[in-house]
Amino acid sequence: MRRPAPKSDRARRRRLSDRRAAKRNQEQKPRALREAALAAYAQAFNEPSRIHAFCEDFRAGEGADREQLLADKQAAGRSSTPTLLLWSAAHFPAQPSLLEVWRDWASDIRGEAVDSGHYLAEEAPDAVLKALEDFL
C-alpha cells in the first residue's frame, strides 16, 4: 500500500494545481475563477485544521464511509430520489460513463459533463445554472 504524502505537501501541491488550473481556465474563459474566488480557496487550503479535515474526508472515503455506503445500498437498494450529476469534462473521461456508474446507486439520475475545470460553479456558472433549471 502506498503511503500518503504528508498533509503539508498535499496542500502545497493542491494550491499549485488550483492556481495552474485557474490560470488555464482564465485564459480560456473570461468569467473563469476570479482572483477573489481563487484567494478564498487558497486560504481554505492553507489552514492546517482544514487540511487535516480534507485529508480525513478522503481517507474515510476509502474506508468507513465506503463501508457504510455499501451497507446502506445493500439494505435499501437504489435511491429513487431524482438526482442531478454534473462533472468536469476536463477531469473525467467519457468512458466509463459516470451516469452509468451512478445508475447502480440511483434509479432517476440525469446529468452531463460541463466544460470546466474542477470548480464547475465558478468556472461555468451559466452551464451549471441551465442544468439546474432544466432539472428542477
C-alpha atoms as a PDB file:
ATOM      1  CA  MET A   1       0.000   0.000   0.000  1.00  0.00           C
ATOM      2  CA  ARG A   2       1.337   3.402  -0.986  1.00  0.00           C
ATOM      3  CA  ARG A   3       1.844   5.786   1.922  1.00  0.00           C
ATOM      4  CA  PRO A   4       0.023   9.101   1.557  1.00  0.00           C
ATOM      5  CA  ALA A   5       2.078  12.244   1.157  1.00  0.00           C
ATOM      6  CA  PRO A   6       2.401  14.469   4.208  1.00  0.00           C
ATOM      7  CA  LYS A   7      -0.540  16.835   4.597  1.00  0.00           C
ATOM      8  CA  SER A   8       1.610  19.932   4.119  1.00  0.00           C
ATOM      9  CA  ASP A   9       2.963  18.539   0.845  1.00  0.00           C
ATOM     10  CA  ARG A  10      -0.561  17.700  -0.353  1.00  0.00           C
ATOM     11  CA  ALA A  11      -1.742  21.181   0.483  1.00  0.00           C
ATOM     12  CA  ARG A  12       1.197  22.759  -1.361  1.00  0.00           C
ATOM     13  CA  ARG A  13       0.600  20.591  -4.436  1.00  0.00           C
ATOM     14  CA  ARG A  14      -3.133  21.336  -4.300  1.00  0.00           C
ATOM     15  CA  ARG A  15      -2.529  25.102  -4.171  1.00  0.00           C
ATOM     16  CA  LEU A  16      -0.179  24.880  -7.148  1.00  0.00           C
ATOM     17  CA  SER A  17      -2.615  22.701  -9.068  1.00  0.00           C
ATOM     18  CA  ASP A  18      -5.516  25.058  -8.307  1.00  0.00           C
ATOM     19  CA  ARG A  19      -3.512  28.088  -9.430  1.00  0.00           C
ATOM     20  CA  ARG A  20      -2.449  26.390 -12.668  1.00  0.00           C
ATOM     21  CA  ALA A  21      -5.975  25.180 -13.428  1.00  0.00           C
ATOM     22  CA  ALA A  22      -7.456  28.579 -12.659  1.00  0.00           C
ATOM     23  CA  LYS A  23      -4.862  30.313 -14.823  1.00  0.00           C
ATOM     24  CA  ARG A  24      -5.589  27.955 -17.744  1.00  0.00           C
ATOM     25  CA  ASN A  25      -9.313  28.428 -17.295  1.00  0.00           C
ATOM     26  CA  GLN A  26      -8.998  32.221 -17.003  1.00  0.00           C
ATOM     27  CA  GLU A  27      -7.044  32.244 -20.245  1.00  0.00           C
ATOM     28  CA  GLN A  28      -9.739  30.137 -21.900  1.00  0.00           C
ATOM     29  CA  LYS A  29     -12.826  31.706 -20.320  1.00  0.00           C
ATOM     30  CA  PRO A  30     -13.138  35.344 -19.317  1.00  0.00           C
ATOM     31  CA  ARG A  31     -15.545  34.553 -16.414  1.00  0.00           C
ATOM     32  CA  ALA A  32     -13.435  31.725 -15.053  1.00  0.00           C
ATOM     33  CA  LEU A  33     -12.456  31.620 -11.392  1.00  0.00           C
ATOM     34  CA  ARG A  34     -11.658  35.202 -10.495  1.00  0.00           C
ATOM     35  CA  GLU A  35      -8.749  36.113  -8.236  1.00  0.00           C
ATOM     36  CA  ALA A  36     -11.037  36.657  -5.222  1.00  0.00           C
ATOM     37  CA  ALA A  37     -12.532  33.182  -5.537  1.00  0.00           C
ATOM     38  CA  LEU A  38      -9.103  31.635  -6.021  1.00  0.00           C
ATOM     39  CA  ALA A  39      -7.811  33.511  -2.978  1.00  0.00           C
ATOM     40  CA  ALA A  40     -10.707  32.159  -0.890  1.00  0.00           C
ATOM     41  CA  TYR A  41      -9.915  28.601  -1.975  1.00  0.00           C
ATOM     42  CA  ALA A  42      -6.197  29.115  -1.315  1.00  0.00           C
ATOM     43  CA  GLN A  43      -6.983  30.457   2.159  1.00  0.00           C
ATOM     44  CA  ALA A  44      -9.150  27.427   2.915  1.00  0.00           C
ATOM     45  CA  PHE A  45      -6.461  25.033   1.720  1.00  0.00           C
ATOM     46  CA  ASN A  46      -3.799  26.883   3.723  1.00  0.00           C
ATOM     47  CA  GLU A  47      -5.414  26.371   7.155  1.00  0.00           C
ATOM     48  CA  PRO A  48      -3.853  23.348   8.914  1.00  0.00           C
ATOM     49  CA  SER A  49      -7.080  22.244  10.595  1.00  0.00           C
ATOM     50  CA  ARG A  50      -8.903  22.318   7.240  1.00  0.00           C
ATOM     51  CA  ILE A  51      -6.106  20.427   5.522  1.00  0.00           C
ATOM     52  CA  HIS A  52      -6.427  17.811   8.249  1.00  0.00           C
ATOM     53  CA  ALA A  53     -10.204  17.664   7.715  1.00  0.00           C
ATOM     54  CA  PHE A  54      -9.804  17.344   3.925  1.00  0.00           C
ATOM     55  CA  CYS A  55      -7.329  14.508   4.394  1.00  0.00           C
ATOM     56  CA  GLU A  56      -9.593  12.740   6.892  1.00  0.00           C
ATOM     57  CA  ASP A  57     -12.523  13.083   4.483  1.00  0.00           C
ATOM     58  CA  PHE A  58     -10.530  11.489   1.648  1.00  0.00           C
ATOM     59  CA  ARG A  59      -9.235   8.790   3.995  1.00  0.00           C
ATOM     60  CA  ALA A  60     -12.775   7.987   5.195  1.00  0.00           C
ATOM     61  CA  GLY A  61     -13.930   7.729   1.582  1.00  0.00           C
ATOM     62  CA  GLU A  62     -11.721   4.696   1.155  1.00  0.00           C
ATOM     63  CA  GLY A  63     -12.629   3.163   4.496  1.00  0.00           C
ATOM     64  CA  ALA A  64     -15.508   3.750   6.882  1.00  0.00           C
ATOM     65  CA  ASP A  65     -17.613   5.897   4.533  1.00  0.00           C
ATOM     66  CA  ARG A  66     -17.307   3.380   1.730  1.00  0.00           C
ATOM     67  CA  GLU A  67     -18.269   0.505   4.005  1.00  0.00           C
ATOM     68  CA  GLN A  68     -21.316   2.411   5.303  1.00  0.00           C
ATOM     69  CA  LEU A  69     -22.432   3.367   1.785  1.00  0.00           C
ATOM     70  CA  LEU A  70     -22.174  -0.207   0.583  1.00  0.00           C
ATOM     71  CA  ALA A  71     -24.112  -1.465   3.632  1.00  0.00           C
ATOM     72  CA  ASP A  72     -26.824   1.172   3.056  1.00  0.00           C
ATOM     73  CA  LYS A  73     -27.071   0.201  -0.611  1.00  0.00           C
ATOM     74  CA  GLN A  74     -27.325  -3.462   0.296  1.00  0.00           C
ATOM     75  CA  ALA A  75     -30.090  -2.757   2.817  1.00  0.00           C
ATOM     76  CA  ALA A  76     -32.097  -0.182   0.881  1.00  0.00           C
ATOM     77  CA  GLY A  77     -31.292  -0.733  -2.786  1.00  0.00           C
ATOM     78  CA  ARG A  78     -31.136   2.164  -5.200  1.00  0.00           C
ATOM     79  CA  SER A  79     -32.344   5.632  -4.340  1.00  0.00           C
ATOM     80  CA  SER A  80     -35.475   6.763  -6.172  1.00  0.00           C
ATOM     81  CA  THR A  81     -34.827  10.437  -5.423  1.00  0.00           C
ATOM     82  CA  PRO A  82     -34.312  12.449  -8.624  1.00  0.00           C
ATOM     83  CA  THR A  83     -30.597  13.197  -8.786  1.00  0.00           C
ATOM     84  CA  LEU A  84     -28.579  15.610 -10.918  1.00  0.00           C
ATOM     85  CA  LEU A  85     -24.951  14.724 -11.546  1.00  0.00           C
ATOM     86  CA  LEU A  86     -22.628  17.311 -13.095  1.00  0.00           C
ATOM     87  CA  TRP A  87     -18.938  16.718 -13.628  1.00  0.00           C
ATOM     88  CA  SER A  88     -15.922  18.371 -15.194  1.00  0.00           C
ATOM     89  CA  ALA A  89     -15.365  17.410 -18.812  1.00  0.00           C
ATOM     90  CA  ALA A  90     -11.696  18.235 -18.293  1.00  0.00           C
ATOM     91  CA  HIS A  91     -11.250  15.891 -15.336  1.00  0.00           C
ATOM     92  CA  PHE A  92     -13.334  12.844 -16.230  1.00  0.00           C
ATOM     93  CA  PRO A  93     -13.081  10.741 -19.382  1.00  0.00           C
ATOM     94  CA  ALA A  94     -16.165   9.980 -21.451  1.00  0.00           C
ATOM     95  CA  GLN A  95     -15.814   6.277 -20.601  1.00  0.00           C
ATOM     96  CA  PRO A  96     -16.750   4.814 -18.290  1.00  0.00           C
ATOM     97  CA  SER A  97     -19.887   6.915 -18.229  1.00  0.00           C
ATOM     98  CA  LEU A  98     -20.395   8.478 -14.811  1.00  0.00           C
ATOM     99  CA  LEU A  99     -24.149   8.264 -15.321  1.00  0.00           C
ATOM    100  CA  GLU A 100     -23.881   4.523 -15.896  1.00  0.00           C
ATOM    101  CA  VAL A 101     -21.765   4.094 -12.772  1.00  0.00           C
ATOM    102  CA  TRP A 102     -24.239   6.102 -10.663  1.00  0.00           C
ATOM    103  CA  ARG A 103     -27.261   4.208 -12.045  1.00  0.00           C
ATOM    104  CA  ASP A 104     -26.173   1.404  -9.707  1.00  0.00           C
ATOM    105  CA  TRP A 105     -26.988   3.815  -6.865  1.00  0.00           C
ATOM    106  CA  ALA A 106     -29.933   5.853  -8.144  1.00  0.00           C
ATOM    107  CA  SER A 107     -32.812   4.944 -10.438  1.00  0.00           C
ATOM    108  CA  ASP A 108     -33.641   8.530 -11.509  1.00  0.00           C
ATOM    109  CA  ILE A 109     -30.321  10.114 -12.374  1.00  0.00           C
ATOM    110  CA  ARG A 110     -29.618  12.725 -15.007  1.00  0.00           C
ATOM    111  CA  GLY A 111     -26.552  14.739 -15.749  1.00  0.00           C
ATOM    112  CA  GLU A 112     -23.874  15.890 -18.112  1.00  0.00           C
ATOM    113  CA  ALA A 113     -20.261  16.877 -18.415  1.00  0.00           C
ATOM    114  CA  VAL A 114     -19.660  20.603 -18.011  1.00  0.00           C
ATOM    115  CA  ASP A 115     -16.924  22.362 -19.976  1.00  0.00           C
ATOM    116  CA  SER A 116     -14.914  23.453 -16.955  1.00  0.00           C
ATOM    117  CA  GLY A 117     -12.160  22.511 -14.608  1.00  0.00           C
ATOM    118  CA  HIS A 118     -12.564  21.372 -11.019  1.00  0.00           C
ATOM    119  CA  TYR A 119     -14.732  24.324  -9.920  1.00  0.00           C
ATOM    120  CA  LEU A 120     -17.851  23.934 -12.057  1.00  0.00           C
ATOM    121  CA  ALA A 121     -19.998  26.649 -10.472  1.00  0.00           C
ATOM    122  CA  GLU A 122     -17.220  29.247 -10.576  1.00  0.00           C
ATOM    123  CA  GLU A 123     -15.829  28.352 -13.991  1.00  0.00           C
ATOM    124  CA  ALA A 124     -19.053  27.632 -15.865  1.00  0.00           C
ATOM    125  CA  PRO A 125     -21.857  29.350 -13.929  1.00  0.00           C
ATOM    126  CA  ASP A 126     -24.191  29.654 -16.937  1.00  0.00           C
ATOM    127  CA  ALA A 127     -23.924  25.954 -17.805  1.00  0.00           C
ATOM    128  CA  VAL A 128     -24.448  24.903 -14.181  1.00  0.00           C
ATOM    129  CA  LEU A 129     -27.435  27.228 -13.798  1.00  0.00           C
ATOM    130  CA  LYS A 130     -29.015  25.933 -17.028  1.00  0.00           C
ATOM    131  CA  ALA A 131     -28.547  22.313 -15.921  1.00  0.00           C
ATOM    132  CA  LEU A 132     -30.116  23.104 -12.526  1.00  0.00           C
ATOM    133  CA  GLU A 133     -33.050  24.958 -14.086  1.00  0.00           C
ATOM    134  CA  ASP A 134     -33.680  22.143 -16.562  1.00  0.00           C
ATOM    135  CA  PHE A 135     -33.503  19.616 -13.738  1.00  0.00           C
ATOM    136  CA  LEU A 136     -35.836  21.496 -11.420  1.00  0.00           C
END
